[in-house]
Amino acid sequence: MSRPQSLVHGTLLLTAANLALRGSSMCFQVYLAGRIGAAGIGLLQLILSVSMLAMTLGSAGVRVASMYLTAEEYGARRPGGMRKALLCCLIYGLAVSVLGGLVLHAASDWIALRWIRDIRAASSLRVLAWSLPISCLWSVMAGYFTACSQLRQLVLVEFLDQAVSIAATVALLWLWAGADTERACLSIHLGNAVATAVTLVLLLGLALANRRAPIPQGLSMWKRLLRLCVPLAANDALRSGLSTTEHLLIPRGLARYGSSGEGAMASYGVIHGMVFPIMMFPSVLLYALADLLVPELAKCRAAADRRRIRALSDRCLRMGLLFSAAVAGLCYCLSGPLGLLLYKSEEAGFYLRLFAPLALVLYMDTMVDGMHKGMGQQVYCVRVNTLTNLMDVVLLWALLPRFGIAGYFFTFTLTHLLNFFLSIARLMTVTGYTPPLPYVLKVLLCAALPALAMAAVCQRIGSVLAACLLGGGGFLVLFFLLIGLTSALTQADLRWLRGALGKSH
């Protein structure tokens, strides 16, 4: 199988798997929203934001380092080097995650009271502390299997992980948690911890099955690991820390604007626990592609294959723009019906329509970030992410108490647009590829016109389910018709896709 075929097949495999996994997670989120309400979802989201910070600090960039180092050794056909990269990453990951887990466990009550301002979060934070080393090692193994192109094994393990997690969580919810918000949050984290431990054992077993190549001696791999992990850890820690601060500021700022504490938590829960999961649900395609682009571009960079780098940049950015524009248009025209269908909430539909155009920026930024990691641009990412996240915190602190949700929307839009502009500008410099502006404008127009038209149609349909089906189907038909008429998707693109999928012309 050629490299283009391998990349597309891998992307499709990861996308299909992640769609199924995220679909089950979203169904569970809908069920949970109905069980504990928007305020309970808000509390869960705050706990998850702290857990992401803990995971970031406890892994210190080791997942991307595992993927990058393994990909370099794999591209150079050094199986012993691949095993050495995995061993170093596992030791490093275990050391930093155990330290991070101990700190989180000791500070759980303080974080719950001072940061989240709800003592019910403390028990979940303690579970997260004990499971942090397991999660870190799991991420190392996932990076290793992705770089080695062993995607089928990884996908099967991920399915098992999701199945065990859901089964354990549902059992705890029914048999123990009931409608108690604290126990519900704790059940979710306990279920995740059990599933991660079970599947980590399987991943380690699969990796240790092939132990024929000797591990090289010396400290060169450790030096390469630290050179990667230090900027990655700094980037991730700053970004995650500021992101967590941002999440904690939102309900506080809304409360200072005039909402009650419960109302502020509910508004936060609607946006981050209901709207964003819908908007980002299709993003699994670009997350899968971004993950695969890291080792692919690392191999091309190691081989100094500039032609291949430009070709990958062209195809991935153009196809990514088509996909992102389609998702943004769908979210816009189906915002009202989806809010009512999934959550019985007009508020969720309103916020989904408000944030829908930004899906284009969020999706494309995901792909660009993956390409930056493959091109070794971690230090630049540190600077950009630090700048925009600092702006987030400062603007939220200043604007939320005065303008409420309007201040949050302005801040979110400004900082994400700036981040994407700086990232894409740098990518054009390092790859030598410039996206054609007429093509970008053409795709945006092809998405905007059907979205506006079908949004008006959906408002006139009485049945929520019928509005979703007719509105979504009508948008896709009009979108692809305009894409064909404007030649935004060329015959060369179609031939490339057919070839990558292994089909005849």
Protein backbone atom coordinates (compact mmCIF):
# COMPACT_ATOMS: atom_id res chain seq x y z
CA MET A 1 0.00 0.00 0.00
CA SER A 2 1.36 3.43 -0.97
CA ARG A 3 1.81 6.21 1.54
CA PRO A 4 -1.23 8.19 0.29
CA GLN A 5 -3.34 5.05 0.51
CA SER A 6 -1.97 4.27 3.96
CA LEU A 7 -2.70 7.76 5.26
CA VAL A 8 -6.28 7.83 3.94
CA HIS A 9 -7.03 4.26 5.02
CA GLY A 10 -5.68 5.01 8.46
CA THR A 11 -7.71 8.21 8.66
CA LEU A 12 -10.89 6.43 7.60
CA LEU A 13 -10.30 3.62 10.07
CA LEU A 14 -9.70 6.00 12.97
CA THR A 15 -12.63 8.17 11.89
CA ALA A 16 -15.09 5.28 11.75
CA ALA A 17 -13.91 4.04 15.13
CA ASN A 18 -13.94 7.48 16.74
CA LEU A 19 -17.37 8.31 15.33
CA ALA A 20 -18.76 5.19 16.96
CA LEU A 21 -16.94 5.92 20.20
CA ARG A 22 -17.93 9.57 20.31
CA GLY A 23 -21.48 8.71 19.28
CA SER A 24 -21.87 6.45 22.29
CA SER A 25 -20.29 9.13 24.51
CA MET A 26 -22.66 11.77 23.19
CA CYS A 27 -25.68 9.54 23.77
CA PHE A 28 -24.49 9.04 27.31
CA GLN A 29 -24.01 12.80 27.70
CA VAL A 30 -27.61 13.37 26.58
CA TYR A 31 -28.80 10.76 29.09
CA LEU A 32 -26.71 12.33 31.85
CA ALA A 33 -28.01 15.83 31.05
CA GLY A 34 -31.54 14.59 31.51
CA ARG A 35 -30.60 12.92 34.77
CA ILE A 36 -28.59 15.60 36.61
CA GLY A 37 -29.60 18.75 34.71
CA ALA A 38 -27.59 21.59 33.18
CA ALA A 39 -26.09 22.63 36.54
CA GLY A 40 -24.87 19.07 37.17
CA ILE A 41 -23.36 18.96 33.68
CA GLY A 42 -21.63 22.27 34.47
CA LEU A 43 -20.05 20.77 37.60
CA LEU A 44 -18.92 17.72 35.62
CA GLN A 45 -17.35 19.96 32.97
CA LEU A 46 -15.40 21.88 35.62
CA ILE A 47 -14.09 18.61 37.08
CA LEU A 48 -13.10 17.49 33.59
CA SER A 49 -11.27 20.77 32.94
CA VAL A 50 -9.21 20.24 36.11
CA SER A 51 -8.62 16.61 35.13
CA MET A 52 -7.32 17.72 31.72
CA LEU A 53 -4.87 20.05 33.45
CA ALA A 54 -3.77 17.22 35.75
CA MET A 55 -3.35 14.87 32.78
CA THR A 56 -1.37 17.49 30.88
CA LEU A 57 0.98 18.17 33.79
CA GLY A 58 1.22 14.46 34.59
CA SER A 59 2.19 13.44 31.06
CA ALA A 60 4.43 16.43 30.20
CA GLY A 61 4.25 16.04 26.41
CA VAL A 62 5.14 12.35 26.38
CA ARG A 63 2.31 11.22 24.08
CA VAL A 64 3.44 13.34 21.13
CA ALA A 65 7.07 12.52 21.94
CA SER A 66 6.25 8.80 21.84
CA MET A 67 4.56 9.23 18.46
CA TYR A 68 7.31 11.42 17.02
CA LEU A 69 10.31 9.38 18.20
CA THR A 70 8.74 6.07 17.20
CA ALA A 71 7.84 7.47 13.78
CA GLU A 72 11.44 8.58 13.21
CA GLU A 73 12.81 5.15 14.16
CA TYR A 74 10.09 3.43 12.14
CA GLY A 75 10.90 5.56 9.08
CA ALA A 76 14.61 4.73 9.47
CA ARG A 77 13.73 1.00 9.87
CA ARG A 78 15.33 0.64 13.27
CA PRO A 79 13.07 -1.70 15.30
CA GLY A 80 15.47 -1.64 18.21
CA GLY A 81 15.27 2.14 18.26
CA MET A 82 11.47 1.90 18.30
CA ARG A 83 11.60 -0.29 21.39
CA LYS A 84 14.09 2.07 23.02
CA ALA A 85 11.82 5.06 22.28
CA LEU A 86 8.85 3.25 23.82
CA LEU A 87 10.81 2.19 26.92
CA CYS A 88 12.15 5.70 27.55
CA CYS A 89 8.70 7.25 27.10
CA LEU A 90 7.12 4.73 29.48
CA ILE A 91 9.72 5.36 32.21
CA TYR A 92 9.51 9.13 31.77
CA GLY A 93 5.69 9.07 31.69
CA LEU A 94 5.44 6.89 34.78
CA ALA A 95 7.77 9.13 36.78
CA VAL A 96 6.05 12.44 36.00
CA SER A 97 2.51 11.03 36.27
CA VAL A 98 3.11 9.47 39.70
CA LEU A 99 4.45 12.81 40.92
CA GLY A 100 1.48 14.63 39.40
CA GLY A 101 -0.98 12.16 40.92
CA LEU A 102 0.45 12.62 44.41
CA VAL A 103 0.17 16.40 44.12
CA LEU A 104 -3.42 16.19 42.85
CA HIS A 105 -4.46 13.80 45.63
CA ALA A 106 -2.97 16.05 48.33
CA ALA A 107 -4.63 19.16 46.86
CA SER A 108 -8.03 17.65 45.93
CA ASP A 109 -10.03 19.24 48.75
CA TRP A 110 -8.33 22.61 48.26
CA ILE A 111 -8.97 22.56 44.49
CA ALA A 112 -12.60 21.59 45.02
CA LEU A 113 -13.19 24.41 47.51
CA ARG A 114 -11.01 27.18 46.05
CA TRP A 115 -11.06 26.49 42.31
CA ILE A 116 -14.31 24.71 41.56
CA ARG A 117 -16.04 26.05 44.69
CA ASP A 118 -17.94 22.82 45.22
CA ILE A 119 -16.68 20.21 47.70
CA ARG A 120 -18.59 17.52 45.78
CA ALA A 121 -15.77 17.56 43.22
CA ALA A 122 -13.12 16.37 45.72
CA SER A 123 -13.93 12.64 45.52
CA SER A 124 -13.72 12.65 41.72
CA LEU A 125 -10.40 14.47 41.85
CA ARG A 126 -8.97 11.80 44.18
CA VAL A 127 -9.98 9.06 41.74
CA LEU A 128 -8.35 11.05 38.95
CA ALA A 129 -5.16 11.32 41.01
CA TRP A 130 -4.83 7.55 41.47
CA SER A 131 -5.64 6.81 37.83
CA LEU A 132 -3.32 9.47 36.39
CA PRO A 133 -0.28 7.14 35.88
CA ILE A 134 -2.49 4.58 34.11
CA SER A 135 -3.91 7.25 31.78
CA CYS A 136 -0.44 8.60 31.02
CA LEU A 137 0.97 5.18 30.11
CA TRP A 138 -2.12 4.52 27.97
CA SER A 139 -1.45 7.70 25.99
CA VAL A 140 2.19 6.65 25.45
CA MET A 141 1.03 3.30 24.07
CA ALA A 142 -1.54 4.98 21.83
CA GLY A 143 1.17 7.23 20.35
CA TYR A 144 3.42 4.21 19.79
CA PHE A 145 0.76 2.16 17.99
CA THR A 146 -0.25 5.13 15.83
CA ALA A 147 3.35 5.76 14.74
CA CYS A 148 3.87 2.06 13.98
CA SER A 149 0.74 2.05 11.77
CA GLN A 150 -0.83 -0.64 13.97
CA LEU A 151 -4.16 1.14 13.86
CA ARG A 152 -6.42 -1.91 13.76
CA GLN A 153 -5.08 -3.21 17.07
CA LEU A 154 -5.40 0.26 18.61
CA VAL A 155 -8.97 0.67 17.36
CA LEU A 156 -10.05 -2.69 18.77
CA VAL A 157 -8.56 -1.83 22.13
CA GLU A 158 -10.28 1.57 22.09
CA PHE A 159 -13.63 -0.10 21.43
CA LEU A 160 -13.04 -2.43 24.34
CA ASP A 161 -12.04 0.53 26.52
CA GLN A 162 -15.28 2.36 25.67
CA ALA A 163 -17.41 -0.72 26.23
CA VAL A 164 -15.88 -1.44 29.66
CA SER A 165 -16.11 2.24 30.64
CA ILE A 166 -19.78 2.57 29.71
CA ALA A 167 -20.72 -0.76 31.31
CA ALA A 168 -18.93 0.07 34.56
CA THR A 169 -20.32 3.61 34.66
CA VAL A 170 -23.91 2.60 33.94
CA ALA A 171 -23.71 -0.13 36.58
CA LEU A 172 -22.47 2.37 39.17
CA LEU A 173 -25.12 4.92 38.21
CA TRP A 174 -27.97 2.44 38.52
CA LEU A 175 -26.79 0.51 41.54
CA TRP A 176 -25.16 3.27 43.58
CA ALA A 177 -25.25 6.87 42.33
CA GLY A 178 -28.94 7.41 41.66
CA ALA A 179 -29.68 11.10 41.02
CA ASP A 180 -26.86 12.28 43.30
CA THR A 181 -24.61 14.65 41.33
CA GLU A 182 -21.44 13.90 43.31
CA ARG A 183 -21.87 10.15 42.95
CA ALA A 184 -22.74 10.51 39.26
CA CYS A 185 -19.49 12.39 38.58
CA LEU A 186 -17.56 9.87 40.67
CA SER A 187 -19.16 6.94 38.79
CA ILE A 188 -17.98 8.35 35.46
CA HIS A 189 -14.38 8.66 36.62
CA LEU A 190 -14.36 5.26 38.30
CA GLY A 191 -15.70 3.64 35.14
CA ASN A 192 -13.05 5.36 33.02
CA ALA A 193 -10.27 4.31 35.42
CA VAL A 194 -11.29 0.64 35.36
CA ALA A 195 -11.48 0.60 31.55
CA THR A 196 -8.11 2.34 31.14
CA ALA A 197 -6.39 -0.14 33.46
CA VAL A 198 -7.83 -3.17 31.63
CA THR A 199 -6.93 -1.96 28.16
CA LEU A 200 -3.45 -0.72 29.17
CA VAL A 201 -2.55 -4.30 30.06
CA LEU A 202 -3.67 -5.40 26.57
CA LEU A 203 -1.66 -2.67 24.82
CA LEU A 204 1.48 -3.56 26.78
CA GLY A 205 0.99 -7.21 25.94
CA LEU A 206 0.66 -6.47 22.22
CA ALA A 207 3.77 -4.26 22.25
CA LEU A 208 5.86 -6.82 24.14
CA ALA A 209 4.86 -9.64 21.80
CA ASN A 210 7.56 -8.59 19.32
CA ARG A 211 10.84 -8.45 21.26
CA ARG A 212 13.32 -9.74 18.69
CA ALA A 213 15.24 -6.54 17.99
CA PRO A 214 17.91 -5.62 20.59
CA ILE A 215 17.59 -2.28 22.36
CA PRO A 216 20.54 0.04 21.60
CA GLN A 217 22.59 1.36 24.51
CA GLY A 218 23.43 4.95 25.28
CA LEU A 219 21.66 8.13 26.26
CA SER A 220 20.93 9.59 22.82
CA MET A 221 17.25 8.59 22.96
CA TRP A 222 16.85 10.25 26.36
CA LYS A 223 18.35 13.46 24.97
CA ARG A 224 15.98 13.42 22.02
CA LEU A 225 13.07 12.70 24.35
CA LEU A 226 13.87 15.60 26.65
CA ARG A 227 14.42 17.98 23.73
CA LEU A 228 10.90 17.14 22.58
CA CYS A 229 9.19 16.94 25.94
CA VAL A 230 10.46 20.19 27.44
CA PRO A 231 8.85 22.50 24.83
CA LEU A 232 5.83 20.21 24.53
CA ALA A 233 5.35 20.12 28.29
CA ALA A 234 5.73 23.89 28.53
CA ASN A 235 3.26 24.42 25.70
CA ASP A 236 0.72 21.93 27.03
CA ALA A 237 1.05 23.03 30.65
CA LEU A 238 0.63 26.71 29.83
CA ARG A 239 -2.23 26.10 27.45
CA SER A 240 -4.03 23.65 29.72
CA GLY A 241 -3.45 25.75 32.82
CA LEU A 242 -4.80 28.87 31.17
CA SER A 243 -7.67 26.88 29.63
CA THR A 244 -8.61 25.54 33.06
CA THR A 245 -8.44 29.06 34.48
CA GLU A 246 -10.69 30.19 31.64
CA HIS A 247 -13.25 27.46 32.39
CA LEU A 248 -13.25 28.30 36.08
CA LEU A 249 -13.69 32.01 35.32
CA ILE A 250 -16.79 31.51 33.17
CA PRO A 251 -19.36 30.55 35.85
CA ARG A 252 -17.82 33.04 38.28
CA GLY A 253 -17.94 35.85 35.73
CA LEU A 254 -21.53 35.04 34.78
CA ALA A 255 -22.48 35.05 38.47
CA ARG A 256 -20.90 38.51 38.85
CA TYR A 257 -22.83 39.66 35.75
CA GLY A 258 -26.10 38.93 37.54
CA SER A 259 -26.85 35.21 37.30
CA SER A 260 -27.34 33.14 40.43
CA GLY A 261 -24.64 30.60 41.24
CA GLU A 262 -26.86 27.76 40.01
CA GLY A 263 -27.89 29.75 36.94
CA ALA A 264 -24.29 30.57 36.04
CA MET A 265 -23.32 26.91 36.37
CA ALA A 266 -26.32 25.97 34.19
CA SER A 267 -25.34 28.44 31.43
CA TYR A 268 -21.80 27.10 31.53
CA GLY A 269 -23.15 23.55 31.37
CA VAL A 270 -25.34 24.34 28.35
CA ILE A 271 -22.46 25.80 26.33
CA HIS A 272 -19.68 23.40 27.26
CA GLY A 273 -21.66 20.27 28.11
CA MET A 274 -24.36 20.43 25.43
CA VAL A 275 -23.50 22.79 22.58
CA PHE A 276 -19.79 22.06 22.11
CA PRO A 277 -20.25 18.24 22.10
CA ILE A 278 -22.73 18.62 19.22
CA MET A 279 -20.56 21.08 17.33
CA MET A 280 -17.38 19.07 17.76
CA PHE A 281 -18.89 15.61 17.24
CA PRO A 282 -17.79 15.31 13.56
CA SER A 283 -14.29 16.56 14.42
CA VAL A 284 -13.11 12.97 14.87
CA LEU A 285 -12.17 12.94 11.18
CA LEU A 286 -9.74 15.82 11.54
CA TYR A 287 -8.46 14.59 14.91
CA ALA A 288 -7.69 11.24 13.29
CA LEU A 289 -6.00 12.92 10.34
CA ALA A 290 -4.03 15.26 12.62
CA ASP A 291 -2.80 12.28 14.66
CA LEU A 292 -1.66 10.50 11.50
CA LEU A 293 -0.05 13.61 10.04
CA VAL A 294 2.39 13.84 12.98
CA PRO A 295 4.35 10.65 12.14
CA GLU A 296 3.80 11.09 8.39
CA LEU A 297 5.27 14.60 8.30
CA ALA A 298 8.00 13.59 10.74
CA LYS A 299 9.12 10.89 8.27
CA CYS A 300 9.01 13.35 5.36
CA ARG A 301 10.94 15.93 7.35
CA ALA A 302 13.58 13.36 8.33
CA ALA A 303 13.92 12.39 4.65
CA ALA A 304 13.93 16.08 3.55
CA ASP A 305 11.05 15.27 1.17
CA ARG A 306 9.81 18.82 0.52
CA ARG A 307 7.65 17.78 -2.41
CA ARG A 308 5.75 15.27 -0.32
CA ILE A 309 5.30 17.84 2.47
CA ARG A 310 3.77 20.38 0.05
CA ALA A 311 1.52 17.74 -1.51
CA LEU A 312 0.26 16.63 1.91
CA SER A 313 -0.32 20.24 2.95
CA ASP A 314 -2.30 20.99 -0.20
CA ARG A 315 -4.56 17.94 -0.04
CA CYS A 316 -5.17 17.97 3.68
CA LEU A 317 -5.87 21.69 4.01
CA ARG A 318 -8.21 21.80 1.01
CA MET A 319 -10.14 18.67 2.02
CA GLY A 320 -10.16 19.85 5.61
CA LEU A 321 -11.68 23.18 4.56
CA LEU A 322 -14.46 21.41 2.64
CA PHE A 323 -15.27 19.22 5.63
CA SER A 324 -15.11 22.08 8.14
CA ALA A 325 -17.35 24.32 6.04
CA ALA A 326 -19.92 21.53 5.70
CA VAL A 327 -19.98 20.95 9.48
CA ALA A 328 -20.30 24.66 10.26
CA GLY A 329 -23.20 24.97 7.79
CA LEU A 330 -24.98 21.93 9.19
CA CYS A 331 -24.65 23.14 12.77
CA TYR A 332 -26.03 26.53 11.78
CA CYS A 333 -29.11 25.37 9.91
CA LEU A 334 -29.93 22.53 12.35
CA SER A 335 -29.18 24.42 15.57
CA GLY A 336 -32.77 24.89 16.73
CA PRO A 337 -34.05 21.39 15.90
CA LEU A 338 -30.97 19.70 17.41
CA GLY A 339 -31.25 21.64 20.67
CA LEU A 340 -34.88 20.56 21.05
CA LEU A 341 -34.36 16.99 19.84
CA LEU A 342 -31.39 16.16 22.05
CA TYR A 343 -31.86 18.33 25.12
CA LYS A 344 -35.38 19.79 24.83
CA SER A 345 -33.68 23.17 25.21
CA GLU A 346 -34.19 26.26 23.05
CA GLU A 347 -31.23 27.83 24.84
CA ALA A 348 -28.93 25.07 23.56
CA GLY A 349 -30.19 25.68 20.01
CA PHE A 350 -29.57 29.42 20.28
CA TYR A 351 -25.98 28.97 21.46
CA LEU A 352 -25.31 26.31 18.82
CA ARG A 353 -26.32 28.73 16.07
CA LEU A 354 -24.20 31.47 17.64
CA PHE A 355 -21.04 29.35 17.78
CA ALA A 356 -21.61 27.30 14.58
CA PRO A 357 -19.54 29.50 12.19
CA LEU A 358 -16.55 29.14 14.53
CA ALA A 359 -16.52 25.38 13.92
CA LEU A 360 -14.66 26.21 10.71
CA VAL A 361 -11.80 27.80 12.66
CA LEU A 362 -11.73 25.14 15.40
CA TYR A 363 -11.61 22.26 12.94
CA MET A 364 -8.93 23.74 10.72
CA ASP A 365 -6.82 24.72 13.72
CA THR A 366 -6.86 21.07 14.83
CA MET A 367 -5.33 19.98 11.55
CA VAL A 368 -2.79 22.79 11.46
CA ASP A 369 -1.65 21.94 15.00
CA GLY A 370 -1.07 18.32 13.98
CA MET A 371 0.98 19.45 11.01
CA HIS A 372 3.06 21.77 13.20
CA LYS A 373 3.91 18.89 15.53
CA GLY A 374 4.99 16.77 12.58
CA MET A 375 7.19 19.60 11.29
CA GLY A 376 8.90 20.09 14.66
CA GLN A 377 7.39 23.52 15.37
CA GLN A 378 6.67 22.91 19.06
CA VAL A 379 8.44 26.04 20.31
CA TYR A 380 6.42 28.27 18.01
CA CYS A 381 3.22 26.62 19.22
CA VAL A 382 4.26 27.41 22.79
CA ARG A 383 4.46 31.11 21.95
CA VAL A 384 1.18 31.30 20.06
CA ASN A 385 -0.84 29.25 22.53
CA THR A 386 0.58 31.18 25.47
CA LEU A 387 -0.32 34.49 23.88
CA THR A 388 -3.89 33.57 22.97
CA ASN A 389 -4.63 31.78 26.24
CA LEU A 390 -3.35 34.73 28.24
CA MET A 391 -5.63 36.94 26.18
CA ASP A 392 -8.50 34.57 26.97
CA VAL A 393 -8.00 34.84 30.70
CA VAL A 394 -7.53 38.63 30.73
CA LEU A 395 -10.51 39.34 28.48
CA LEU A 396 -12.81 36.94 30.33
CA TRP A 397 -11.86 38.49 33.65
CA ALA A 398 -12.57 41.98 32.30
CA LEU A 399 -15.60 41.37 30.07
CA LEU A 400 -17.71 38.63 31.65
CA PRO A 401 -18.88 40.66 34.68
CA ARG A 402 -19.91 43.53 32.39
CA PHE A 403 -21.29 41.80 29.28
CA GLY A 404 -22.06 38.21 30.33
CA ILE A 405 -22.32 35.67 27.50
CA ALA A 406 -21.68 38.40 24.91
CA GLY A 407 -18.28 39.01 26.52
CA TYR A 408 -17.50 35.29 26.44
CA PHE A 409 -18.47 34.99 22.77
CA PHE A 410 -16.35 38.00 21.79
CA THR A 411 -13.34 36.63 23.69
CA PHE A 412 -13.72 33.13 22.25
CA THR A 413 -14.00 34.45 18.69
CA LEU A 414 -11.10 36.90 18.89
CA THR A 415 -8.56 34.57 20.48
CA HIS A 416 -9.36 31.55 18.29
CA LEU A 417 -9.19 33.63 15.10
CA LEU A 418 -5.84 35.08 16.17
CA ASN A 419 -4.47 31.64 17.08
CA PHE A 420 -5.49 30.20 13.72
CA PHE A 421 -4.09 33.15 11.75
CA LEU A 422 -0.69 32.91 13.44
CA SER A 423 -0.61 29.11 13.10
CA ILE A 424 -1.53 28.98 9.41
CA ALA A 425 0.92 31.78 8.60
CA ARG A 426 3.75 29.81 10.23
CA LEU A 427 2.70 26.61 8.47
CA MET A 428 2.88 28.34 5.09
CA THR A 429 6.41 29.46 5.93
CA VAL A 430 7.77 26.05 6.96
CA THR A 431 6.01 24.00 4.25
CA GLY A 432 6.29 26.45 1.37
CA TYR A 433 2.60 25.96 0.57
CA THR A 434 0.06 28.81 0.30
CA PRO A 435 -3.67 27.97 0.17
CA PRO A 436 -5.30 29.69 -2.84
CA LEU A 437 -7.58 32.52 -1.64
CA PRO A 438 -10.16 32.13 -4.47
CA TYR A 439 -10.64 28.48 -3.49
CA VAL A 440 -11.17 29.41 0.18
CA LEU A 441 -13.77 32.07 -0.67
CA LYS A 442 -15.51 29.68 -3.06
CA VAL A 443 -15.89 26.98 -0.39
CA LEU A 444 -17.13 29.45 2.23
CA LEU A 445 -19.79 30.75 -0.17
CA CYS A 446 -20.86 27.22 -1.07
CA ALA A 447 -21.50 26.53 2.62
CA ALA A 448 -23.02 29.87 3.66
CA LEU A 449 -25.79 30.07 1.06
CA PRO A 450 -27.32 26.59 1.72
CA ALA A 451 -26.97 27.09 5.48
CA LEU A 452 -28.97 30.33 5.43
CA ALA A 453 -31.60 28.87 3.11
CA MET A 454 -32.13 25.66 5.08
CA ALA A 455 -32.18 27.51 8.41
CA ALA A 456 -35.20 29.44 7.13
CA VAL A 457 -36.83 26.19 5.96
CA CYS A 458 -36.26 24.45 9.31
CA GLN A 459 -38.07 27.25 11.15
CA ARG A 460 -41.21 26.50 9.15
CA ILE A 461 -41.29 22.75 9.83
CA GLY A 462 -43.35 21.76 12.84
CA SER A 463 -41.76 18.38 13.60
CA VAL A 464 -38.30 18.55 15.17
CA LEU A 465 -37.18 15.22 13.71
CA ALA A 466 -38.48 16.15 10.25
CA ALA A 467 -36.67 19.49 10.46
CA CYS A 468 -33.39 17.69 11.24
CA LEU A 469 -33.78 15.19 8.40
CA LEU A 470 -35.06 17.60 5.73
CA GLY A 471 -32.82 20.47 6.78
CA GLY A 472 -29.67 18.35 6.95
CA GLY A 473 -30.41 16.50 3.73
CA GLY A 474 -31.30 19.70 1.89
CA PHE A 475 -28.13 21.43 3.04
CA LEU A 476 -25.87 18.57 1.93
CA VAL A 477 -27.54 18.34 -1.49
CA LEU A 478 -27.21 22.08 -2.08
CA PHE A 479 -23.65 22.19 -0.69
CA PHE A 480 -22.30 19.43 -2.90
CA LEU A 481 -24.22 20.76 -5.90
CA LEU A 482 -22.54 24.15 -5.48
CA ILE A 483 -19.17 22.49 -4.85
CA GLY A 484 -19.54 20.65 -8.15
CA LEU A 485 -20.75 23.69 -10.08
CA THR A 486 -17.89 25.86 -8.81
CA SER A 487 -15.27 23.08 -9.25
CA ALA A 488 -14.17 23.42 -5.63
CA LEU A 489 -13.76 19.65 -5.70
CA THR A 490 -11.81 18.94 -8.88
CA GLN A 491 -11.54 15.80 -10.95
CA ALA A 492 -7.95 15.50 -9.74
CA ASP A 493 -9.19 15.48 -6.14
CA LEU A 494 -11.73 12.78 -6.95
CA ARG A 495 -9.10 10.67 -8.71
CA TRP A 496 -6.79 11.05 -5.70
CA LEU A 497 -9.53 9.96 -3.33
CA ARG A 498 -10.42 6.95 -5.47
CA GLY A 499 -6.77 5.98 -5.74
CA ALA A 500 -6.19 6.40 -2.01
CA LEU A 501 -9.22 4.24 -1.28
CA GLY A 502 -7.90 1.55 -3.58
CA LYS A 503 -10.64 1.93 -6.20
CA SER A 504 -10.27 1.89 -9.94
CA HIS A 505 -10.66 5.09 -11.93
